[in-house]
């Protein structure tokens, strides 16, 4: 049985660019990081409700450039950080 699921979200470069996202951000006043973490929150909540025994993990690099308010704000919230395992992402240059 699976004990962890990596929701990844490492390659999210297009969020906030389409007309639908632009309209949503304009109507709600959300920023791109807030919209990203609102989506992460929905996925984490769904998995924790429907698959409570599975630990949800995600790479940490999407969090590195964000301020604490964005990470702990209503979009993600401290309670979700506790439900989400962050995996350190290390980049190694091979020469």
Protein backbone atom coordinates (compact mmCIF):
# COMPACT_ATOMS: atom_id res chain seq x y z
CA UNK A 1 0.00 0.00 0.00
CA UNK A 2 1.16 3.51 -0.85
CA UNK A 3 2.10 5.59 2.20
CA UNK A 4 3.06 8.86 0.44
CA UNK A 5 2.00 10.76 -2.64
CA UNK A 6 4.15 13.50 -4.17
CA UNK A 7 1.89 16.20 -5.59
CA UNK A 8 5.05 17.83 -7.01
CA UNK A 9 3.82 21.12 -8.57
CA UNK A 10 7.44 21.85 -9.49
CA UNK A 11 6.86 22.90 -13.08
CA UNK A 12 4.07 25.44 -12.68
CA UNK A 13 5.17 28.19 -15.05
CA UNK A 14 1.88 29.06 -16.74
CA UNK A 15 -0.35 29.72 -13.76
CA UNK A 16 -1.84 33.18 -13.91
CA UNK A 17 -1.24 33.65 -17.64
CA UNK A 18 -4.48 32.49 -19.25
CA UNK A 19 -7.57 34.66 -19.58
CA UNK A 20 -9.47 32.61 -16.99
CA UNK A 21 -6.69 32.98 -14.38
CA UNK A 22 -6.29 36.68 -15.14
CA UNK A 23 -10.04 37.21 -14.68
CA UNK A 24 -10.02 35.24 -11.41
CA UNK A 25 -7.07 37.23 -10.04
CA UNK A 26 -8.72 40.52 -11.05
CA UNK A 27 -12.03 39.57 -9.40
CA UNK A 28 -10.51 38.22 -6.18
CA UNK A 29 -7.40 40.39 -5.85
CA UNK A 30 -5.26 37.25 -5.59
CA UNK A 31 -1.64 37.20 -6.66
CA UNK A 32 -0.11 34.36 -8.66
CA UNK A 33 1.49 32.80 -5.53
CA UNK A 34 -1.81 33.06 -3.65
CA UNK A 35 -3.68 31.40 -6.50
CA UNK A 36 -1.06 28.64 -6.70
CA UNK A 37 -1.28 27.91 -2.97
CA UNK A 38 -5.08 28.02 -3.02
CA UNK A 39 -4.90 25.20 -5.56
CA UNK A 40 -2.31 23.31 -3.50
CA UNK A 41 -4.61 23.68 -0.49
CA UNK A 42 -7.57 22.19 -2.36
CA UNK A 43 -5.47 19.20 -3.44
CA UNK A 44 -4.03 18.68 0.08
CA UNK A 45 -7.49 18.93 1.65
CA UNK A 46 -8.98 16.49 -0.85
CA UNK A 47 -6.23 13.93 -0.29
CA UNK A 48 -6.36 14.25 3.49
CA UNK A 49 -10.14 13.82 3.54
CA UNK A 50 -10.35 10.99 1.03
CA UNK A 51 -7.01 9.25 1.66
CA UNK A 52 -6.23 10.07 5.29
CA UNK A 53 -3.56 7.38 5.66
CA UNK A 54 -1.48 8.71 2.77
CA UNK A 55 1.11 11.39 3.58
CA UNK A 56 1.05 14.25 1.06
CA UNK A 57 4.51 15.49 0.07
CA UNK A 58 5.73 18.25 -2.23
CA UNK A 59 9.08 19.70 -3.31
CA UNK A 60 10.14 22.70 -1.24
CA UNK A 61 11.45 24.90 -4.04
CA UNK A 62 8.05 26.50 -4.70
CA UNK A 63 8.18 27.91 -1.13
CA UNK A 64 11.71 29.34 -1.14
CA UNK A 65 11.07 32.78 -2.62
CA UNK A 66 7.84 33.48 -0.78
CA UNK A 67 7.27 35.63 2.25
CA UNK A 68 5.99 34.07 5.46
CA UNK A 69 2.60 35.79 5.17
CA UNK A 70 1.89 34.08 1.84
CA UNK A 71 2.93 30.67 3.15
CA UNK A 72 1.01 30.90 6.43
CA UNK A 73 -1.91 32.96 5.11
CA UNK A 74 -5.44 31.82 4.47
CA UNK A 75 -4.56 30.25 1.09
CA UNK A 76 -2.28 27.58 2.56
CA UNK A 77 -2.43 28.13 6.29
CA UNK A 78 -0.28 26.71 9.08
CA UNK A 79 -2.61 23.75 9.54
CA UNK A 80 -1.95 22.68 5.95
CA UNK A 81 1.82 23.05 6.31
CA UNK A 82 1.55 20.43 9.07
CA UNK A 83 -0.33 18.14 6.67
CA UNK A 84 2.16 18.65 3.86
CA UNK A 85 5.62 17.10 3.92
CA UNK A 86 8.17 19.30 2.16
CA UNK A 87 10.99 17.56 0.33
CA UNK A 88 14.25 19.49 0.00
CA UNK A 89 15.08 19.96 -3.66
CA UNK A 90 18.81 20.12 -4.34
CA UNK A 91 20.21 20.95 -7.75
CA UNK A 92 23.57 19.44 -8.59
CA UNK A 93 25.53 20.61 -11.59
CA UNK A 94 27.36 17.78 -13.32
CA UNK A 95 30.54 18.74 -15.16
